[in-house]
């Protein structure tokens, strides 16, 4: 990703005495905005800056790991690059999963993600998955 060169800040004292009052009105907003843009473009993003969505989906899988029924998620994201499984609730009974879960998924476009396959889930059990989708 390209980097921005250092920004030039607007300093009211660099202008004539008559113009300084007007420049002061613009300088504060511009300087703050320019600093933020500089930080974002130069790779100083943090977790809060990421476009992401948290969704819940009720899903069950057959014995081969394929989802039973609708396994599509609307995200309102332009693209999805990662999905993290946050919480798994068994809503059929009290049994727990016995291995690390894995989801195979594909981005379908228009903000939609389809769950293609799941590992670690018991066939015929309905689960409520809390997922974090990251653009």
N, C-alpha and C. Protein backbone atom coordinates (compact mmCIF):
# COMPACT_ATOMS: atom_id res chain seq x y z
N UNK A 1 0.85 -1.17 0.00
CA UNK A 1 0.00 0.00 0.00
C UNK A 1 0.90 1.24 0.00
N UNK A 2 0.58 2.23 -0.83
CA UNK A 2 1.41 3.44 -0.87
C UNK A 2 1.31 4.22 0.44
N UNK A 3 2.36 4.94 0.71
CA UNK A 3 2.41 5.76 1.92
C UNK A 3 2.28 7.22 1.53
N UNK A 4 1.69 8.00 2.43
CA UNK A 4 1.63 9.45 2.23
C UNK A 4 2.90 10.08 2.78
N UNK A 5 3.38 11.09 2.10
CA UNK A 5 4.50 11.83 2.67
C UNK A 5 3.95 12.67 3.82
N UNK A 6 4.84 13.19 4.64
CA UNK A 6 4.40 14.01 5.77
C UNK A 6 3.49 15.13 5.29
N UNK A 7 2.43 15.36 6.05
CA UNK A 7 1.50 16.42 5.68
C UNK A 7 2.05 17.78 6.10
N UNK A 8 1.61 18.77 5.40
CA UNK A 8 1.98 20.14 5.78
C UNK A 8 0.80 20.73 6.52
N UNK A 9 1.01 21.10 7.73
CA UNK A 9 -0.04 21.66 8.58
C UNK A 9 -0.26 23.12 8.23
N UNK A 10 -1.46 23.59 8.43
CA UNK A 10 -1.78 25.01 8.26
C UNK A 10 -1.46 25.71 9.57
N UNK A 11 -0.57 26.67 9.52
CA UNK A 11 -0.16 27.43 10.70
C UNK A 11 -0.55 28.89 10.47
N UNK A 12 -1.49 29.41 11.25
CA UNK A 12 -1.98 30.78 11.03
C UNK A 12 -0.87 31.83 11.02
N UNK A 13 0.16 31.62 11.81
CA UNK A 13 1.25 32.60 11.88
C UNK A 13 2.04 32.71 10.58
N UNK A 14 1.85 31.73 9.67
CA UNK A 14 2.52 31.78 8.37
C UNK A 14 1.85 32.78 7.43
N UNK A 15 0.72 33.32 7.81
CA UNK A 15 -0.05 34.22 6.96
C UNK A 15 -0.01 35.64 7.52
N UNK A 16 -0.44 36.56 6.70
CA UNK A 16 -0.45 37.97 7.13
C UNK A 16 -1.41 38.15 8.31
N UNK A 17 -1.21 39.20 9.06
CA UNK A 17 -2.02 39.48 10.25
C UNK A 17 -3.49 39.56 9.90
N UNK A 18 -3.82 40.15 8.75
CA UNK A 18 -5.22 40.31 8.35
C UNK A 18 -5.88 38.95 8.06
N UNK A 19 -5.12 37.99 7.56
CA UNK A 19 -5.68 36.69 7.17
C UNK A 19 -5.69 35.68 8.32
N UNK A 20 -4.97 35.94 9.39
CA UNK A 20 -4.82 34.95 10.45
C UNK A 20 -6.13 34.54 11.10
N UNK A 21 -7.06 35.45 11.27
CA UNK A 21 -8.34 35.11 11.91
C UNK A 21 -9.12 34.11 11.05
N UNK A 22 -9.15 34.33 9.76
CA UNK A 22 -9.85 33.40 8.85
C UNK A 22 -9.12 32.06 8.82
N UNK A 23 -7.81 32.09 8.74
CA UNK A 23 -7.01 30.87 8.67
C UNK A 23 -7.18 30.04 9.94
N UNK A 24 -7.26 30.68 11.11
CA UNK A 24 -7.46 29.95 12.36
C UNK A 24 -8.75 29.15 12.33
N UNK A 25 -9.79 29.69 11.69
CA UNK A 25 -11.07 28.98 11.60
C UNK A 25 -10.98 27.70 10.77
N UNK A 26 -10.11 27.69 9.79
CA UNK A 26 -9.97 26.53 8.90
C UNK A 26 -8.89 25.58 9.41
N UNK A 27 -7.83 26.12 10.00
CA UNK A 27 -6.65 25.33 10.35
C UNK A 27 -6.95 24.18 11.30
N UNK A 28 -7.73 24.43 12.34
CA UNK A 28 -8.00 23.37 13.33
C UNK A 28 -8.65 22.14 12.71
N UNK A 29 -9.72 22.36 11.97
CA UNK A 29 -10.43 21.23 11.34
C UNK A 29 -9.55 20.52 10.33
N UNK A 30 -8.89 21.30 9.48
CA UNK A 30 -8.05 20.70 8.45
C UNK A 30 -6.91 19.89 9.07
N UNK A 31 -6.22 20.46 10.03
CA UNK A 31 -5.07 19.78 10.63
C UNK A 31 -5.46 18.47 11.29
N UNK A 32 -6.59 18.45 12.01
CA UNK A 32 -7.05 17.21 12.64
C UNK A 32 -7.41 16.16 11.60
N UNK A 33 -8.13 16.57 10.58
CA UNK A 33 -8.54 15.64 9.52
C UNK A 33 -7.31 15.10 8.78
N UNK A 34 -6.38 15.98 8.44
CA UNK A 34 -5.18 15.56 7.73
C UNK A 34 -4.36 14.58 8.57
N UNK A 35 -4.27 14.81 9.87
CA UNK A 35 -3.55 13.89 10.76
C UNK A 35 -4.21 12.50 10.75
N UNK A 36 -5.53 12.46 10.83
CA UNK A 36 -6.25 11.18 10.83
C UNK A 36 -6.04 10.43 9.52
N UNK A 37 -6.18 11.12 8.40
CA UNK A 37 -5.98 10.49 7.09
C UNK A 37 -4.56 9.95 6.97
N UNK A 38 -3.60 10.74 7.39
CA UNK A 38 -2.20 10.33 7.34
C UNK A 38 -1.99 9.04 8.13
N UNK A 39 -2.55 8.97 9.34
CA UNK A 39 -2.38 7.79 10.18
C UNK A 39 -3.04 6.56 9.56
N UNK A 40 -4.25 6.72 9.01
CA UNK A 40 -4.96 5.59 8.42
C UNK A 40 -4.23 5.07 7.19
N UNK A 41 -3.86 5.96 6.28
CA UNK A 41 -3.23 5.54 5.04
C UNK A 41 -1.85 4.94 5.30
N UNK A 42 -1.17 5.39 6.30
CA UNK A 42 0.17 4.90 6.58
C UNK A 42 0.18 3.69 7.52
N UNK A 43 -0.94 2.98 7.58
CA UNK A 43 -0.97 1.70 8.26
C UNK A 43 -1.13 1.72 9.75
N UNK A 44 -1.66 2.78 10.31
CA UNK A 44 -1.84 2.83 11.74
C UNK A 44 -3.29 2.55 12.12
N UNK A 45 -3.87 1.60 11.42
CA UNK A 45 -5.23 1.18 11.75
C UNK A 45 -5.20 0.32 13.00
N UNK A 46 -6.25 0.38 13.77
CA UNK A 46 -6.39 -0.54 14.87
C UNK A 46 -7.70 -1.30 14.69
N UNK A 47 -8.01 -2.16 15.62
CA UNK A 47 -9.15 -3.04 15.48
C UNK A 47 -10.46 -2.28 15.30
N UNK A 48 -10.57 -1.12 15.93
CA UNK A 48 -11.80 -0.33 15.86
C UNK A 48 -12.02 0.27 14.47
N UNK A 49 -10.96 0.42 13.67
CA UNK A 49 -11.09 1.00 12.35
C UNK A 49 -11.52 0.00 11.29
N UNK A 50 -11.51 -1.27 11.60
CA UNK A 50 -11.84 -2.28 10.61
C UNK A 50 -13.34 -2.30 10.34
N UNK A 51 -13.68 -2.51 9.08
CA UNK A 51 -15.09 -2.70 8.74
C UNK A 51 -15.41 -4.15 9.10
N UNK A 52 -16.37 -4.35 9.97
CA UNK A 52 -16.69 -5.68 10.43
C UNK A 52 -18.15 -5.76 10.84
N UNK A 53 -18.61 -6.97 11.04
CA UNK A 53 -19.99 -7.19 11.47
C UNK A 53 -20.01 -8.36 12.44
N UNK A 54 -20.90 -8.28 13.42
CA UNK A 54 -21.13 -9.40 14.34
C UNK A 54 -22.52 -9.92 14.04
N UNK A 55 -22.61 -11.21 13.76
CA UNK A 55 -23.90 -11.80 13.40
C UNK A 55 -24.12 -13.09 14.19
N UNK A 56 -25.38 -13.42 14.36
CA UNK A 56 -25.78 -14.71 14.92
C UNK A 56 -26.49 -15.49 13.83
N UNK A 57 -26.19 -16.77 13.74
CA UNK A 57 -26.89 -17.63 12.79
C UNK A 57 -27.23 -18.93 13.49
N UNK A 58 -28.47 -19.37 13.31
CA UNK A 58 -28.89 -20.68 13.80
C UNK A 58 -28.69 -21.66 12.66
N UNK A 59 -27.93 -22.71 12.92
CA UNK A 59 -27.53 -23.62 11.84
C UNK A 59 -27.36 -25.03 12.38
N UNK A 60 -27.63 -26.00 11.53
CA UNK A 60 -27.32 -27.39 11.85
C UNK A 60 -26.66 -28.01 10.62
N UNK A 61 -25.94 -29.09 10.86
CA UNK A 61 -25.17 -29.73 9.81
C UNK A 61 -25.59 -31.19 9.68
N UNK A 62 -25.43 -31.75 8.47
CA UNK A 62 -25.69 -33.17 8.30
C UNK A 62 -24.43 -33.96 8.65
N UNK A 63 -24.45 -35.27 8.45
CA UNK A 63 -23.32 -36.12 8.85
C UNK A 63 -22.07 -35.88 8.01
N UNK A 64 -22.20 -35.23 6.86
CA UNK A 64 -21.03 -34.93 6.03
C UNK A 64 -20.46 -33.54 6.31
N UNK A 65 -21.13 -32.76 7.17
CA UNK A 65 -20.67 -31.42 7.49
C UNK A 65 -21.33 -30.32 6.69
N UNK A 66 -22.23 -30.69 5.79
CA UNK A 66 -22.93 -29.66 5.02
C UNK A 66 -24.08 -29.07 5.83
N UNK A 67 -24.29 -27.76 5.70
CA UNK A 67 -25.40 -27.14 6.43
C UNK A 67 -26.76 -27.66 5.95
N UNK A 68 -27.67 -27.77 6.89
CA UNK A 68 -29.04 -28.15 6.58
C UNK A 68 -29.86 -26.86 6.55
N UNK A 69 -30.55 -26.61 5.46
CA UNK A 69 -31.36 -25.40 5.35
C UNK A 69 -30.55 -24.20 4.92
N UNK A 70 -31.07 -23.01 5.22
CA UNK A 70 -30.44 -21.76 4.80
C UNK A 70 -29.16 -21.51 5.61
N UNK A 71 -28.06 -21.32 4.89
CA UNK A 71 -26.78 -21.06 5.55
C UNK A 71 -26.15 -19.79 5.02
N UNK A 72 -26.98 -18.81 4.67
CA UNK A 72 -26.49 -17.53 4.16
C UNK A 72 -26.62 -16.46 5.23
N UNK A 73 -25.66 -15.54 5.21
CA UNK A 73 -25.60 -14.47 6.20
C UNK A 73 -25.51 -13.15 5.46
N UNK A 74 -26.41 -12.21 5.78
CA UNK A 74 -26.33 -10.85 5.26
C UNK A 74 -25.42 -10.03 6.16
N UNK A 75 -24.41 -9.36 5.56
CA UNK A 75 -23.41 -8.69 6.39
C UNK A 75 -23.36 -7.17 6.23
N UNK A 76 -23.85 -6.62 5.14
CA UNK A 76 -23.70 -5.20 4.81
C UNK A 76 -22.24 -4.81 4.62
N UNK A 77 -21.35 -5.76 4.37
CA UNK A 77 -19.95 -5.47 4.10
C UNK A 77 -19.69 -5.60 2.61
N UNK A 78 -18.74 -4.84 2.10
CA UNK A 78 -18.41 -4.90 0.68
C UNK A 78 -17.65 -6.16 0.31
N UNK A 79 -17.00 -6.75 1.27
CA UNK A 79 -16.22 -7.97 1.06
C UNK A 79 -15.98 -8.57 2.44
N UNK A 80 -15.73 -9.85 2.51
CA UNK A 80 -15.39 -10.50 3.77
C UNK A 80 -14.08 -11.26 3.56
N UNK A 81 -13.09 -10.96 4.40
CA UNK A 81 -11.80 -11.63 4.28
C UNK A 81 -11.57 -12.65 5.39
N UNK A 82 -12.26 -12.49 6.53
CA UNK A 82 -12.08 -13.41 7.65
C UNK A 82 -13.39 -13.59 8.40
N UNK A 83 -13.54 -14.77 8.95
CA UNK A 83 -14.65 -15.03 9.86
C UNK A 83 -14.08 -15.68 11.11
N UNK A 84 -14.40 -15.10 12.25
CA UNK A 84 -14.01 -15.67 13.54
C UNK A 84 -15.25 -16.23 14.22
N UNK A 85 -15.14 -17.43 14.74
CA UNK A 85 -16.22 -18.01 15.52
C UNK A 85 -16.07 -17.52 16.95
N UNK A 86 -17.04 -16.77 17.42
CA UNK A 86 -16.95 -16.20 18.75
C UNK A 86 -17.57 -17.08 19.82
N UNK A 87 -18.78 -17.54 19.59
CA UNK A 87 -19.49 -18.34 20.59
C UNK A 87 -20.32 -19.38 19.88
N UNK A 88 -20.41 -20.55 20.49
CA UNK A 88 -21.23 -21.63 19.96
C UNK A 88 -22.19 -22.07 21.07
N UNK A 89 -23.48 -21.98 20.77
CA UNK A 89 -24.50 -22.43 21.73
C UNK A 89 -25.27 -23.59 21.10
N UNK A 90 -25.37 -24.68 21.81
CA UNK A 90 -26.19 -25.79 21.38
C UNK A 90 -27.62 -25.46 21.80
N UNK A 91 -28.51 -25.26 20.85
CA UNK A 91 -29.89 -24.91 21.22
C UNK A 91 -30.84 -26.10 21.11
N UNK A 92 -30.30 -27.30 20.85
CA UNK A 92 -31.10 -28.52 20.81
C UNK A 92 -31.07 -29.23 22.16
N UNK A 93 -29.88 -29.38 22.72
CA UNK A 93 -29.74 -30.05 24.01
C UNK A 93 -28.51 -29.49 24.73
N UNK A 94 -28.06 -30.15 25.77
CA UNK A 94 -26.97 -29.61 26.58
C UNK A 94 -25.59 -30.13 26.18
N UNK A 95 -25.49 -30.96 25.15
CA UNK A 95 -24.18 -31.50 24.79
C UNK A 95 -23.28 -30.41 24.20
N UNK A 96 -21.99 -30.61 24.33
CA UNK A 96 -21.01 -29.63 23.86
C UNK A 96 -20.23 -30.21 22.68
N UNK A 97 -19.62 -29.32 21.92
CA UNK A 97 -18.81 -29.80 20.81
C UNK A 97 -17.57 -30.48 21.37
N UNK A 98 -17.03 -31.44 20.62
CA UNK A 98 -15.92 -32.24 21.12
C UNK A 98 -14.60 -31.96 20.40
N UNK A 99 -14.60 -31.08 19.43
CA UNK A 99 -13.36 -30.72 18.75
C UNK A 99 -13.43 -29.27 18.30
N UNK A 100 -12.30 -28.75 17.91
CA UNK A 100 -12.25 -27.35 17.49
C UNK A 100 -13.11 -27.17 16.24
N UNK A 101 -14.02 -26.21 16.26
CA UNK A 101 -14.90 -26.03 15.10
C UNK A 101 -14.19 -25.30 13.97
N UNK A 102 -14.62 -25.60 12.76
CA UNK A 102 -14.10 -24.95 11.57
C UNK A 102 -15.27 -24.74 10.61
N UNK A 103 -15.30 -23.58 9.98
CA UNK A 103 -16.30 -23.29 8.96
C UNK A 103 -15.63 -22.98 7.64
N UNK A 104 -16.08 -23.63 6.59
CA UNK A 104 -15.68 -23.26 5.24
C UNK A 104 -16.81 -22.37 4.71
N UNK A 105 -16.43 -21.24 4.11
CA UNK A 105 -17.43 -20.27 3.70
C UNK A 105 -16.99 -19.61 2.40
N UNK A 106 -17.92 -18.94 1.74
CA UNK A 106 -17.59 -18.19 0.52
C UNK A 106 -18.40 -16.91 0.50
N UNK A 107 -17.77 -15.86 -0.02
CA UNK A 107 -18.45 -14.58 -0.18
C UNK A 107 -19.22 -14.64 -1.49
N UNK A 108 -20.52 -14.35 -1.42
CA UNK A 108 -21.38 -14.47 -2.58
C UNK A 108 -21.59 -13.16 -3.32
N UNK A 109 -21.11 -12.05 -2.74
CA UNK A 109 -21.36 -10.73 -3.32
C UNK A 109 -22.54 -10.08 -2.63
N UNK A 110 -22.72 -8.80 -2.85
CA UNK A 110 -23.82 -8.04 -2.25
C UNK A 110 -23.90 -8.22 -0.73
N UNK A 111 -22.74 -8.39 -0.08
CA UNK A 111 -22.72 -8.49 1.37
C UNK A 111 -23.14 -9.83 1.94
N UNK A 112 -23.28 -10.85 1.10
CA UNK A 112 -23.76 -12.14 1.56
C UNK A 112 -22.63 -13.17 1.64
N UNK A 113 -22.61 -13.89 2.76
CA UNK A 113 -21.65 -14.97 2.97
C UNK A 113 -22.44 -16.27 3.09
N UNK A 114 -21.95 -17.31 2.45
CA UNK A 114 -22.59 -18.63 2.53
C UNK A 114 -21.68 -19.59 3.27
N UNK A 115 -22.23 -20.28 4.28
CA UNK A 115 -21.51 -21.33 4.99
C UNK A 115 -21.62 -22.59 4.14
N UNK A 116 -20.47 -23.12 3.71
CA UNK A 116 -20.46 -24.29 2.83
C UNK A 116 -20.31 -25.61 3.59
N UNK A 117 -19.61 -25.57 4.73
CA UNK A 117 -19.21 -26.79 5.40
C UNK A 117 -18.81 -26.47 6.83
N UNK A 118 -19.05 -27.39 7.73
CA UNK A 118 -18.65 -27.20 9.12
C UNK A 118 -18.05 -28.46 9.71
N UNK A 119 -16.97 -28.31 10.45
CA UNK A 119 -16.31 -29.43 11.13
C UNK A 119 -16.41 -29.19 12.64
N UNK A 120 -16.59 -30.26 13.38
CA UNK A 120 -16.63 -30.16 14.83
C UNK A 120 -18.04 -30.09 15.39
N UNK A 121 -19.02 -30.14 14.52
CA UNK A 121 -20.42 -30.03 14.93
C UNK A 121 -21.08 -31.40 14.81
N UNK A 122 -21.99 -31.72 15.73
CA UNK A 122 -22.72 -32.98 15.70
C UNK A 122 -23.88 -32.87 14.73
N UNK A 123 -24.03 -33.87 13.88
CA UNK A 123 -25.12 -33.88 12.89
C UNK A 123 -26.47 -33.84 13.59
N UNK A 124 -27.38 -33.05 13.04
CA UNK A 124 -28.74 -32.98 13.55
C UNK A 124 -28.94 -32.07 14.75
N UNK A 125 -27.88 -31.51 15.29
CA UNK A 125 -27.98 -30.60 16.43
C UNK A 125 -28.03 -29.18 15.89
N UNK A 126 -28.92 -28.37 16.42
CA UNK A 126 -28.99 -26.96 15.99
C UNK A 126 -28.12 -26.12 16.91
N UNK A 127 -27.27 -25.32 16.27
CA UNK A 127 -26.35 -24.45 16.99
C UNK A 127 -26.66 -22.99 16.68
N UNK A 128 -26.43 -22.15 17.65
CA UNK A 128 -26.45 -20.71 17.44
C UNK A 128 -24.99 -20.25 17.47
N UNK A 129 -24.51 -19.79 16.31
CA UNK A 129 -23.12 -19.33 16.21
C UNK A 129 -23.09 -17.82 16.22
N UNK A 130 -22.22 -17.26 17.04
CA UNK A 130 -21.94 -15.83 17.01
C UNK A 130 -20.64 -15.68 16.26
N UNK A 131 -20.71 -14.98 15.13
CA UNK A 131 -19.56 -14.85 14.23
C UNK A 131 -19.17 -13.39 14.09
N UNK A 132 -17.87 -13.17 13.94
CA UNK A 132 -17.36 -11.85 13.61
C UNK A 132 -16.84 -11.93 12.19
N UNK A 133 -17.38 -11.10 11.33
CA UNK A 133 -16.98 -11.05 9.93
C UNK A 133 -16.18 -9.78 9.70
N UNK A 134 -15.00 -9.92 9.11
CA UNK A 134 -14.10 -8.78 8.93
C UNK A 134 -13.89 -8.55 7.44
N UNK A 135 -14.04 -7.30 7.05
CA UNK A 135 -13.86 -6.93 5.65
C UNK A 135 -12.40 -6.95 5.27
